[in-house]
């Protein structure tokens, strides 16, 4: 007598969500995401500014991030951050002497501290204010839209 296998039940989706079939390459990546109730795929992605700060000194990078957040709050824009990113550590090993004593070495390291700030729904005023921002030397800023 053959043994019946139990029927496999599919897990139910959480309330308020619906599954979307996997898209073909033409439809794009957006359809691959579970859509929440009330949102359509036809909605455009809202623009946001992503600001990345890099510096060797953690104190001046924190002050610079605070300046950018103060400017964004002054114009009433929603801000996410500053998000501390992992510090990039560059290590160098050198001989202490120039010719002899191979076992005597020194190690040096440089740390590059990084912060990221997202400004959601930026307007033209805040872009102008960020362009006129005067940051201290030693802080590298990269702004992407």
C-alpha atoms as a PDB file:
ATOM      1  CA  UNK A   1       0.000   0.000   0.000  1.00  0.00           C
ATOM      2  CA  UNK A   2       1.599   3.330  -1.042  1.00  0.00           C
ATOM      3  CA  UNK A   3       2.193   5.897   1.678  1.00  0.00           C
ATOM      4  CA  UNK A   4       0.570   9.288   1.131  1.00  0.00           C
ATOM      5  CA  UNK A   5       2.830  12.258   1.566  1.00  0.00           C
ATOM      6  CA  UNK A   6       1.382  15.166   3.507  1.00  0.00           C
ATOM      7  CA  UNK A   7       0.479  18.201   1.418  1.00  0.00           C
ATOM      8  CA  UNK A   8       2.964  21.043   1.696  1.00  0.00           C
ATOM      9  CA  UNK A   9       1.367  24.259   2.806  1.00  0.00           C
ATOM     10  CA  UNK A  10       2.665  27.553   1.556  1.00  0.00           C
ATOM     11  CA  UNK A  11       3.328  30.163   4.180  1.00  0.00           C
ATOM     12  CA  UNK A  12       0.764  32.934   4.248  1.00  0.00           C
ATOM     13  CA  UNK A  13       1.946  36.471   3.561  1.00  0.00           C
ATOM     14  CA  UNK A  14       1.789  38.906   6.489  1.00  0.00           C
ATOM     15  CA  UNK A  15      -1.265  41.122   6.610  1.00  0.00           C
ATOM     16  CA  UNK A  16      -1.042  44.192   4.398  1.00  0.00           C
ATOM     17  CA  UNK A  17       1.514  42.775   1.944  1.00  0.00           C
ATOM     18  CA  UNK A  18       1.176  41.052  -1.359  1.00  0.00           C
ATOM     19  CA  UNK A  19       3.714  39.039  -3.287  1.00  0.00           C
ATOM     20  CA  UNK A  20       4.858  40.097  -6.717  1.00  0.00           C
ATOM     21  CA  UNK A  21       5.933  37.618  -9.356  1.00  0.00           C
ATOM     22  CA  UNK A  22       9.568  37.649 -10.304  1.00  0.00           C
ATOM     23  CA  UNK A  23      10.043  40.117 -13.125  1.00  0.00           C
ATOM     24  CA  UNK A  24      11.568  39.485 -16.452  1.00  0.00           C
ATOM     25  CA  UNK A  25      14.627  41.551 -17.289  1.00  0.00           C
ATOM     26  CA  UNK A  26      12.488  44.115 -19.111  1.00  0.00           C
ATOM     27  CA  UNK A  27      10.350  45.049 -16.100  1.00  0.00           C
ATOM     28  CA  UNK A  28      13.251  45.972 -13.862  1.00  0.00           C
ATOM     29  CA  UNK A  29      14.233  45.355 -10.295  1.00  0.00           C
ATOM     30  CA  UNK A  30      11.427  47.304  -8.613  1.00  0.00           C
ATOM     31  CA  UNK A  31       8.852  44.552  -9.166  1.00  0.00           C
ATOM     32  CA  UNK A  32      11.003  42.041  -7.317  1.00  0.00           C
ATOM     33  CA  UNK A  33      10.335  43.774  -3.997  1.00  0.00           C
ATOM     34  CA  UNK A  34       7.331  43.007  -1.844  1.00  0.00           C
ATOM     35  CA  UNK A  35       4.922  45.880  -2.170  1.00  0.00           C
ATOM     36  CA  UNK A  36       3.319  47.338   0.872  1.00  0.00           C
ATOM     37  CA  UNK A  37      -0.349  48.134   0.809  1.00  0.00           C
ATOM     38  CA  UNK A  38      -1.178  51.401  -0.921  1.00  0.00           C
ATOM     39  CA  UNK A  39       2.088  51.746  -2.830  1.00  0.00           C
ATOM     40  CA  UNK A  40       2.383  51.281  -6.567  1.00  0.00           C
ATOM     41  CA  UNK A  41       5.406  50.424  -8.635  1.00  0.00           C
ATOM     42  CA  UNK A  42       4.669  53.398 -10.855  1.00  0.00           C
ATOM     43  CA  UNK A  43       5.675  55.821  -8.091  1.00  0.00           C
ATOM     44  CA  UNK A  44       8.972  57.471  -8.853  1.00  0.00           C
ATOM     45  CA  UNK A  45      11.862  57.259  -6.459  1.00  0.00           C
ATOM     46  CA  UNK A  46      12.082  60.526  -4.548  1.00  0.00           C
ATOM     47  CA  UNK A  47      15.347  62.404  -4.939  1.00  0.00           C
ATOM     48  CA  UNK A  48      17.709  62.514  -1.991  1.00  0.00           C
ATOM     49  CA  UNK A  49      21.115  63.939  -1.350  1.00  0.00           C
ATOM     50  CA  UNK A  50      23.758  61.555  -0.025  1.00  0.00           C
ATOM     51  CA  UNK A  51      26.658  63.388   1.572  1.00  0.00           C
ATOM     52  CA  UNK A  52      29.815  61.462   2.429  1.00  0.00           C
ATOM     53  CA  UNK A  53      32.469  63.053   4.620  1.00  0.00           C
ATOM     54  CA  UNK A  54      36.041  61.769   4.976  1.00  0.00           C
ATOM     55  CA  UNK A  55      38.733  63.042   7.306  1.00  0.00           C
ATOM     56  CA  UNK A  56      41.801  61.968   9.242  1.00  0.00           C
ATOM     57  CA  UNK A  57      40.563  63.702  12.414  1.00  0.00           C
ATOM     58  CA  UNK A  58      37.336  62.484  14.015  1.00  0.00           C
ATOM     59  CA  UNK A  59      36.667  65.766  15.839  1.00  0.00           C
ATOM     60  CA  UNK A  60      36.543  67.989  12.768  1.00  0.00           C
ATOM     61  CA  UNK A  61      34.448  65.468  10.816  1.00  0.00           C
ATOM     62  CA  UNK A  62      31.874  65.424  13.643  1.00  0.00           C
ATOM     63  CA  UNK A  63      31.790  69.240  13.711  1.00  0.00           C
ATOM     64  CA  UNK A  64      31.352  69.333   9.925  1.00  0.00           C
ATOM     65  CA  UNK A  65      28.498  66.815  10.094  1.00  0.00           C
ATOM     66  CA  UNK A  66      26.861  68.920  12.811  1.00  0.00           C
ATOM     67  CA  UNK A  67      27.115  72.025  10.568  1.00  0.00           C
ATOM     68  CA  UNK A  68      25.431  70.209   7.667  1.00  0.00           C
ATOM     69  CA  UNK A  69      22.621  68.923   9.900  1.00  0.00           C
ATOM     70  CA  UNK A  70      22.058  72.411  11.345  1.00  0.00           C
ATOM     71  CA  UNK A  71      21.717  73.826   7.829  1.00  0.00           C
ATOM     72  CA  UNK A  72      19.256  71.082   6.858  1.00  0.00           C
ATOM     73  CA  UNK A  73      17.172  71.665  10.000  1.00  0.00           C
ATOM     74  CA  UNK A  74      17.142  75.407   9.313  1.00  0.00           C
ATOM     75  CA  UNK A  75      15.444  74.752   5.968  1.00  0.00           C
ATOM     76  CA  UNK A  76      13.066  72.166   7.430  1.00  0.00           C
ATOM     77  CA  UNK A  77      14.297  69.141   5.501  1.00  0.00           C
ATOM     78  CA  UNK A  78      14.257  65.598   6.885  1.00  0.00           C
ATOM     79  CA  UNK A  79      17.763  64.326   7.657  1.00  0.00           C
ATOM     80  CA  UNK A  80      19.082  60.821   8.304  1.00  0.00           C
ATOM     81  CA  UNK A  81      22.447  60.687   9.976  1.00  0.00           C
ATOM     82  CA  UNK A  82      25.249  61.242  10.534  1.00  0.00           C
ATOM     83  CA  UNK A  83      25.865  57.527  10.091  1.00  0.00           C
ATOM     84  CA  UNK A  84      29.395  56.529  11.103  1.00  0.00           C
ATOM     85  CA  UNK A  85      30.928  54.274   8.485  1.00  0.00           C
ATOM     86  CA  UNK A  86      33.844  51.951   9.257  1.00  0.00           C
ATOM     87  CA  UNK A  87      37.171  53.743   9.500  1.00  0.00           C
ATOM     88  CA  UNK A  88      39.635  52.885   6.774  1.00  0.00           C
ATOM     89  CA  UNK A  89      42.927  51.890   8.410  1.00  0.00           C
ATOM     90  CA  UNK A  90      46.098  52.127   6.326  1.00  0.00           C
ATOM     91  CA  UNK A  91      49.059  50.372   7.979  1.00  0.00           C
ATOM     92  CA  UNK A  92      52.704  50.853   7.014  1.00  0.00           C
ATOM     93  CA  UNK A  93      55.681  48.855   8.300  1.00  0.00           C
ATOM     94  CA  UNK A  94      59.160  50.322   7.839  1.00  0.00           C
ATOM     95  CA  UNK A  95      62.670  49.380   8.945  1.00  0.00           C
ATOM     96  CA  UNK A  96      64.032  51.522  11.762  1.00  0.00           C
ATOM     97  CA  UNK A  97      67.483  51.680  10.244  1.00  0.00           C
ATOM     98  CA  UNK A  98      68.371  52.162   6.623  1.00  0.00           C
ATOM     99  CA  UNK A  99      70.714  49.226   6.025  1.00  0.00           C
ATOM    100  CA  UNK A 100      71.148  46.829   8.957  1.00  0.00           C
ATOM    101  CA  UNK A 101      68.948  45.493  11.794  1.00  0.00           C
ATOM    102  CA  UNK A 102      66.256  43.903   9.674  1.00  0.00           C
ATOM    103  CA  UNK A 103      64.339  42.767  12.761  1.00  0.00           C
ATOM    104  CA  UNK A 104      63.951  46.299  14.125  1.00  0.00           C
ATOM    105  CA  UNK A 105      60.805  47.668  12.532  1.00  0.00           C
ATOM    106  CA  UNK A 106      58.223  50.358  13.206  1.00  0.00           C
ATOM    107  CA  UNK A 107      54.552  50.293  12.332  1.00  0.00           C
ATOM    108  CA  UNK A 108      52.479  53.345  11.500  1.00  0.00           C
ATOM    109  CA  UNK A 109      48.825  53.654  10.703  1.00  0.00           C
ATOM    110  CA  UNK A 110      46.542  56.268   9.182  1.00  0.00           C
ATOM    111  CA  UNK A 111      42.845  56.208   9.984  1.00  0.00           C
ATOM    112  CA  UNK A 112      40.343  57.717   7.561  1.00  0.00           C
ATOM    113  CA  UNK A 113      37.111  58.425   9.437  1.00  0.00           C
ATOM    114  CA  UNK A 114      33.896  58.477   7.400  1.00  0.00           C
ATOM    115  CA  UNK A 115      30.376  59.794   7.971  1.00  0.00           C
ATOM    116  CA  UNK A 116      27.292  59.617   5.755  1.00  0.00           C
ATOM    117  CA  UNK A 117      24.296  61.967   5.818  1.00  0.00           C
ATOM    118  CA  UNK A 118      21.108  61.530   3.762  1.00  0.00           C
ATOM    119  CA  UNK A 119      18.879  64.534   3.084  1.00  0.00           C
ATOM    120  CA  UNK A 120      15.412  63.441   1.969  1.00  0.00           C
ATOM    121  CA  UNK A 121      13.406  65.633  -0.432  1.00  0.00           C
ATOM    122  CA  UNK A 122      16.010  68.375  -0.874  1.00  0.00           C
ATOM    123  CA  UNK A 123      14.973  71.725  -2.280  1.00  0.00           C
ATOM    124  CA  UNK A 124      16.965  74.301  -4.220  1.00  0.00           C
ATOM    125  CA  UNK A 125      17.629  76.457  -1.134  1.00  0.00           C
ATOM    126  CA  UNK A 126      19.438  73.699   0.747  1.00  0.00           C
ATOM    127  CA  UNK A 127      21.520  72.817  -2.320  1.00  0.00           C
ATOM    128  CA  UNK A 128      22.628  76.454  -2.550  1.00  0.00           C
ATOM    129  CA  UNK A 129      23.388  76.536   1.183  1.00  0.00           C
ATOM    130  CA  UNK A 130      25.493  73.370   0.964  1.00  0.00           C
ATOM    131  CA  UNK A 131      27.363  74.789  -2.011  1.00  0.00           C
ATOM    132  CA  UNK A 132      28.263  77.897   0.008  1.00  0.00           C
ATOM    133  CA  UNK A 133      29.246  75.848   3.084  1.00  0.00           C
ATOM    134  CA  UNK A 134      32.739  76.549   4.380  1.00  0.00           C
ATOM    135  CA  UNK A 135      34.202  73.357   5.856  1.00  0.00           C
ATOM    136  CA  UNK A 136      37.592  73.183   7.609  1.00  0.00           C
ATOM    137  CA  UNK A 137      40.600  71.946   5.697  1.00  0.00           C
ATOM    138  CA  UNK A 138      41.157  68.227   6.012  1.00  0.00           C
ATOM    139  CA  UNK A 139      37.498  67.323   5.403  1.00  0.00           C
ATOM    140  CA  UNK A 140      36.643  65.782   2.036  1.00  0.00           C
ATOM    141  CA  UNK A 141      32.990  66.047   1.018  1.00  0.00           C
ATOM    142  CA  UNK A 142      31.207  64.158  -1.765  1.00  0.00           C
ATOM    143  CA  UNK A 143      27.589  64.964  -2.625  1.00  0.00           C
ATOM    144  CA  UNK A 144      25.485  62.635  -4.797  1.00  0.00           C
ATOM    145  CA  UNK A 145      21.888  63.079  -5.885  1.00  0.00           C
END
